[in-house]
PDB file of N, CA and C in Angstrom:
ATOM      1  N   MET A   1      25.402  21.531 -17.867  1.00  0.00           N
ATOM      2  CA  MET A   1      23.981  21.155 -18.104  1.00  0.00           C
ATOM      3  C   MET A   1      23.606  20.194 -17.191  1.00  0.00           C
ATOM      4  N   THR A   2      22.590  20.377 -16.278  1.00  0.00           N
ATOM      5  CA  THR A   2      21.793  19.535 -15.458  1.00  0.00           C
ATOM      6  C   THR A   2      20.758  18.518 -16.135  1.00  0.00           C
ATOM      7  N   ARG A   3      21.046  17.277 -15.628  1.00  0.00           N
ATOM      8  CA  ARG A   3      19.479  16.717 -16.318  1.00  0.00           C
ATOM      9  C   ARG A   3      19.198  15.476 -15.191  1.00  0.00           C
ATOM     10  N   GLN A   4      17.752  15.231 -15.433  1.00  0.00           N
ATOM     11  CA  GLN A   4      17.217  14.573 -14.695  1.00  0.00           C
ATOM     12  C   GLN A   4      17.649  12.923 -14.765  1.00  0.00           C
ATOM     13  N   SER A   5      17.596  12.234 -13.542  1.00  0.00           N
ATOM     14  CA  SER A   5      17.906  11.097 -13.414  1.00  0.00           C
ATOM     15  C   SER A   5      17.134  10.283 -13.322  1.00  0.00           C
ATOM     16  N   ASP A   6      17.204   9.015 -13.042  1.00  0.00           N
ATOM     17  CA  ASP A   6      16.194   8.051 -12.511  1.00  0.00           C
ATOM     18  C   ASP A   6      16.719   7.545 -11.284  1.00  0.00           C
ATOM     19  N   LEU A   7      17.825   7.786 -10.848  1.00  0.00           N
ATOM     20  CA  LEU A   7      18.849   7.437  -9.545  1.00  0.00           C
ATOM     21  C   LEU A   7      18.244   8.262  -8.474  1.00  0.00           C
ATOM     22  N   SER A   8      18.389   7.428  -7.277  1.00  0.00           N
ATOM     23  CA  SER A   8      18.154   8.254  -5.806  1.00  0.00           C
ATOM     24  C   SER A   8      19.250   7.841  -4.999  1.00  0.00           C
ATOM     25  N   TYR A   9      19.210   8.797  -4.105  1.00  0.00           N
ATOM     26  CA  TYR A   9      20.541   8.645  -3.049  1.00  0.00           C
ATOM     27  C   TYR A   9      19.282   8.757  -1.804  1.00  0.00           C
ATOM     28  N   ARG A  10      20.020   7.860  -0.579  1.00  0.00           N
ATOM     29  CA  ARG A  10      19.596   8.053   0.630  1.00  0.00           C
ATOM     30  C   ARG A  10      21.065   8.825   1.622  1.00  0.00           C
ATOM     31  N   PHE A  11      20.375   9.384   2.668  1.00  0.00           N
ATOM     32  CA  PHE A  11      21.530   9.514   3.995  1.00  0.00           C
ATOM     33  C   PHE A  11      21.055   8.739   5.035  1.00  0.00           C
ATOM     34  N   GLU A  12      21.902   8.230   5.902  1.00  0.00           N
ATOM     35  CA  GLU A  12      21.210   7.511   6.869  1.00  0.00           C
ATOM     36  C   GLU A  12      22.005   8.078   8.026  1.00  0.00           C
ATOM     37  N   PRO A  13      21.825   8.763   8.848  1.00  0.00           N
ATOM     38  CA  PRO A  13      22.780   9.455   9.506  1.00  0.00           C
ATOM     39  C   PRO A  13      22.951   8.335  11.073  1.00  0.00           C
ATOM     40  N   LEU A  14      24.565   8.242  11.346  1.00  0.00           N
ATOM     41  CA  LEU A  14      24.840   7.396  12.559  1.00  0.00           C
ATOM     42  C   LEU A  14      23.819   7.470  13.626  1.00  0.00           C
ATOM     43  N   ALA A  15      23.781   8.418  14.277  1.00  0.00           N
ATOM     44  CA  ALA A  15      22.750   9.153  15.563  1.00  0.00           C
ATOM     45  C   ALA A  15      21.575   8.684  15.245  1.00  0.00           C
ATOM     46  N   SER A  16      21.034   8.085  14.100  1.00  0.00           N
ATOM     47  CA  SER A  16      19.157   8.488  13.982  1.00  0.00           C
ATOM     48  C   SER A  16      19.217   7.016  13.179  1.00  0.00           C
ATOM     49  N   GLN A  17      17.777   6.764  13.491  1.00  0.00           N
ATOM     50  CA  GLN A  17      17.462   5.578  12.496  1.00  0.00           C
ATOM     51  C   GLN A  17      16.322   6.271  11.393  1.00  0.00           C
ATOM     52  N   ASP A  18      16.304   7.291  11.569  1.00  0.00           N
ATOM     53  CA  ASP A  18      15.784   7.910  10.194  1.00  0.00           C
ATOM     54  C   ASP A  18      16.519   8.282   9.210  1.00  0.00           C
ATOM     55  N   PRO A  19      15.846   7.763   7.948  1.00  0.00           N
ATOM     56  CA  PRO A  19      17.005   7.867   6.735  1.00  0.00           C
ATOM     57  C   PRO A  19      15.897   9.302   5.714  1.00  0.00           C
ATOM     58  N   PHE A  20      17.208  10.026   5.153  1.00  0.00           N
ATOM     59  CA  PHE A  20      16.226  11.106   4.393  1.00  0.00           C
ATOM     60  C   PHE A  20      16.926  11.050   2.936  1.00  0.00           C
ATOM     61  N   GLU A  21      16.051  11.346   1.957  1.00  0.00           N
ATOM     62  CA  GLU A  21      16.211  11.109   0.899  1.00  0.00           C
ATOM     63  C   GLU A  21      16.939  12.649   0.397  1.00  0.00           C
ATOM     64  N   VAL A  22      17.932  12.144  -0.579  1.00  0.00           N
ATOM     65  CA  VAL A  22      18.665  13.150  -0.662  1.00  0.00           C
ATOM     66  C   VAL A  22      18.215  13.836  -2.050  1.00  0.00           C
ATOM     67  N   VAL A  23      17.849  15.301  -1.909  1.00  0.00           N
ATOM     68  CA  VAL A  23      17.388  16.192  -3.278  1.00  0.00           C
ATOM     69  C   VAL A  23      18.390  16.579  -4.063  1.00  0.00           C
ATOM     70  N   SER A  24      19.301  17.043  -3.099  1.00  0.00           N
ATOM     71  CA  SER A  24      20.372  17.802  -4.533  1.00  0.00           C
ATOM     72  C   SER A  24      21.805  17.327  -3.519  1.00  0.00           C
ATOM     73  N   PHE A  25      22.935  17.357  -4.456  1.00  0.00           N
ATOM     74  CA  PHE A  25      24.325  17.699  -3.403  1.00  0.00           C
ATOM     75  C   PHE A  25      25.462  18.476  -4.327  1.00  0.00           C
ATOM     76  N   THR A  26      26.289  19.025  -3.899  1.00  0.00           N
ATOM     77  CA  THR A  26      27.356  19.605  -4.334  1.00  0.00           C
ATOM     78  C   THR A  26      28.616  18.914  -3.545  1.00  0.00           C
ATOM     79  N   LEU A  27      29.581  19.056  -4.592  1.00  0.00           N
ATOM     80  CA  LEU A  27      31.129  18.593  -3.773  1.00  0.00           C
ATOM     81  C   LEU A  27      32.103  19.435  -4.527  1.00  0.00           C
ATOM     82  N   ASP A  28      32.618  20.647  -3.507  1.00  0.00           N
ATOM     83  CA  ASP A  28      34.055  20.973  -4.561  1.00  0.00           C
ATOM     84  C   ASP A  28      34.961  20.492  -3.695  1.00  0.00           C
ATOM     85  N   GLU A  29      35.756  20.489  -4.283  1.00  0.00           N
ATOM     86  CA  GLU A  29      37.443  20.166  -4.014  1.00  0.00           C
ATOM     87  C   GLU A  29      38.474  20.603  -4.825  1.00  0.00           C
ATOM     88  N   ALA A  30      39.476  20.721  -4.562  1.00  0.00           N
ATOM     89  CA  ALA A  30      40.802  21.563  -5.232  1.00  0.00           C
ATOM     90  C   ALA A  30      41.860  20.968  -4.582  1.00  0.00           C
ATOM     91  N   LEU A  31      43.458  21.299  -4.913  1.00  0.00           N
ATOM     92  CA  LEU A  31      44.587  20.791  -4.608  1.00  0.00           C
ATOM     93  C   LEU A  31      44.669  21.747  -3.393  1.00  0.00           C
ATOM     94  N   SER A  32      45.063  20.972  -2.442  1.00  0.00           N
ATOM     95  CA  SER A  32      45.626  21.721  -0.961  1.00  0.00           C
ATOM     96  C   SER A  32      44.785  22.031  -0.477  1.00  0.00           C
ATOM     97  N   THR A  33      43.646  21.843  -0.428  1.00  0.00           N
ATOM     98  CA  THR A  33      42.210  22.814   0.189  1.00  0.00           C
ATOM     99  C   THR A  33      41.494  21.639   0.706  1.00  0.00           C
ATOM    100  N   PRO A  34      40.737  21.884   1.922  1.00  0.00           N
ATOM    101  CA  PRO A  34      39.598  20.800   2.545  1.00  0.00           C
ATOM    102  C   PRO A  34      38.311  20.605   1.235  1.00  0.00           C
ATOM    103  N   PHE A  35      37.985  19.717   1.130  1.00  0.00           N
ATOM    104  CA  PHE A  35      36.954  19.585   0.419  1.00  0.00           C
ATOM    105  C   PHE A  35      35.640  19.864   1.427  1.00  0.00           C
ATOM    106  N   ARG A  36      34.179  20.231   0.194  1.00  0.00           N
ATOM    107  CA  ARG A  36      33.406  21.002   0.965  1.00  0.00           C
ATOM    108  C   ARG A  36      31.860  19.840   0.052  1.00  0.00           C
ATOM    109  N   LEU A  37      31.315  19.306   1.117  1.00  0.00           N
ATOM    110  CA  LEU A  37      30.054  18.364   0.576  1.00  0.00           C
ATOM    111  C   LEU A  37      28.721  19.076   1.227  1.00  0.00           C
ATOM    112  N   VAL A  38      27.863  19.549   0.464  1.00  0.00           N
ATOM    113  CA  VAL A  38      26.740  20.424   0.780  1.00  0.00           C
ATOM    114  C   VAL A  38      25.529  19.433   0.058  1.00  0.00           C
ATOM    115  N   LEU A  39      24.536  18.656   1.352  1.00  0.00           N
ATOM    116  CA  LEU A  39      23.356  18.140   0.811  1.00  0.00           C
ATOM    117  C   LEU A  39      22.149  18.751   1.112  1.00  0.00           C
ATOM    118  N   GLU A  40      21.549  18.571   0.209  1.00  0.00           N
ATOM    119  CA  GLU A  40      19.951  19.073   0.128  1.00  0.00           C
ATOM    120  C   GLU A  40      18.712  17.990   0.911  1.00  0.00           C
ATOM    121  N   LEU A  41      18.490  17.784   1.983  1.00  0.00           N
ATOM    122  CA  LEU A  41      17.637  16.535   2.167  1.00  0.00           C
ATOM    123  C   LEU A  41      16.201  16.944   2.542  1.00  0.00           C
ATOM    124  N   VAL A  42      15.639  15.727   2.426  1.00  0.00           N
ATOM    125  CA  VAL A  42      14.095  15.940   3.003  1.00  0.00           C
ATOM    126  C   VAL A  42      13.796  14.364   3.864  1.00  0.00           C
ATOM    127  N   SER A  43      12.888  14.854   4.611  1.00  0.00           N
ATOM    128  CA  SER A  43      12.416  13.395   5.513  1.00  0.00           C
ATOM    129  C   SER A  43      11.001  13.353   5.643  1.00  0.00           C
ATOM    130  N   TYR A  44      10.354  12.338   5.444  1.00  0.00           N
ATOM    131  CA  TYR A  44       9.053  12.007   4.960  1.00  0.00           C
ATOM    132  C   TYR A  44       8.596  11.934   6.797  1.00  0.00           C
ATOM    133  N   GLU A  45       9.426  11.634   7.828  1.00  0.00           N
ATOM    134  CA  GLU A  45       8.891  11.616   9.246  1.00  0.00           C
ATOM    135  C   GLU A  45       8.611  13.042   9.759  1.00  0.00           C
ATOM    136  N   ASP A  46       7.821  13.398  10.399  1.00  0.00           N
ATOM    137  CA  ASP A  46       6.826  14.434  11.268  1.00  0.00           C
ATOM    138  C   ASP A  46       8.160  14.628  12.575  1.00  0.00           C
ATOM    139  N   ASN A  47       8.669  13.863  13.290  1.00  0.00           N
ATOM    140  CA  ASN A  47       9.594  14.231  13.932  1.00  0.00           C
ATOM    141  C   ASN A  47      10.868  14.441  13.921  1.00  0.00           C
ATOM    142  N   VAL A  48      11.300  14.951  12.569  1.00  0.00           N
ATOM    143  CA  VAL A  48      12.716  15.153  12.261  1.00  0.00           C
ATOM    144  C   VAL A  48      12.429  16.388  12.039  1.00  0.00           C
ATOM    145  N   ASP A  49      13.445  17.634  12.901  1.00  0.00           N
ATOM    146  CA  ASP A  49      14.004  18.578  13.147  1.00  0.00           C
ATOM    147  C   ASP A  49      14.846  19.341  12.215  1.00  0.00           C
TER     148      ASP A  49
END
């Protein structure tokens, strides 16, 4: 069950000074397999592609 939270997260890439707000994320992991992290990001900067 998904529930709303008052927490917020930011993603700050090393190659850019423009931070992103994290809208959602999922992390899949299992034994003997690589993990997979999926981020949905939003930026309030107009010049971000």
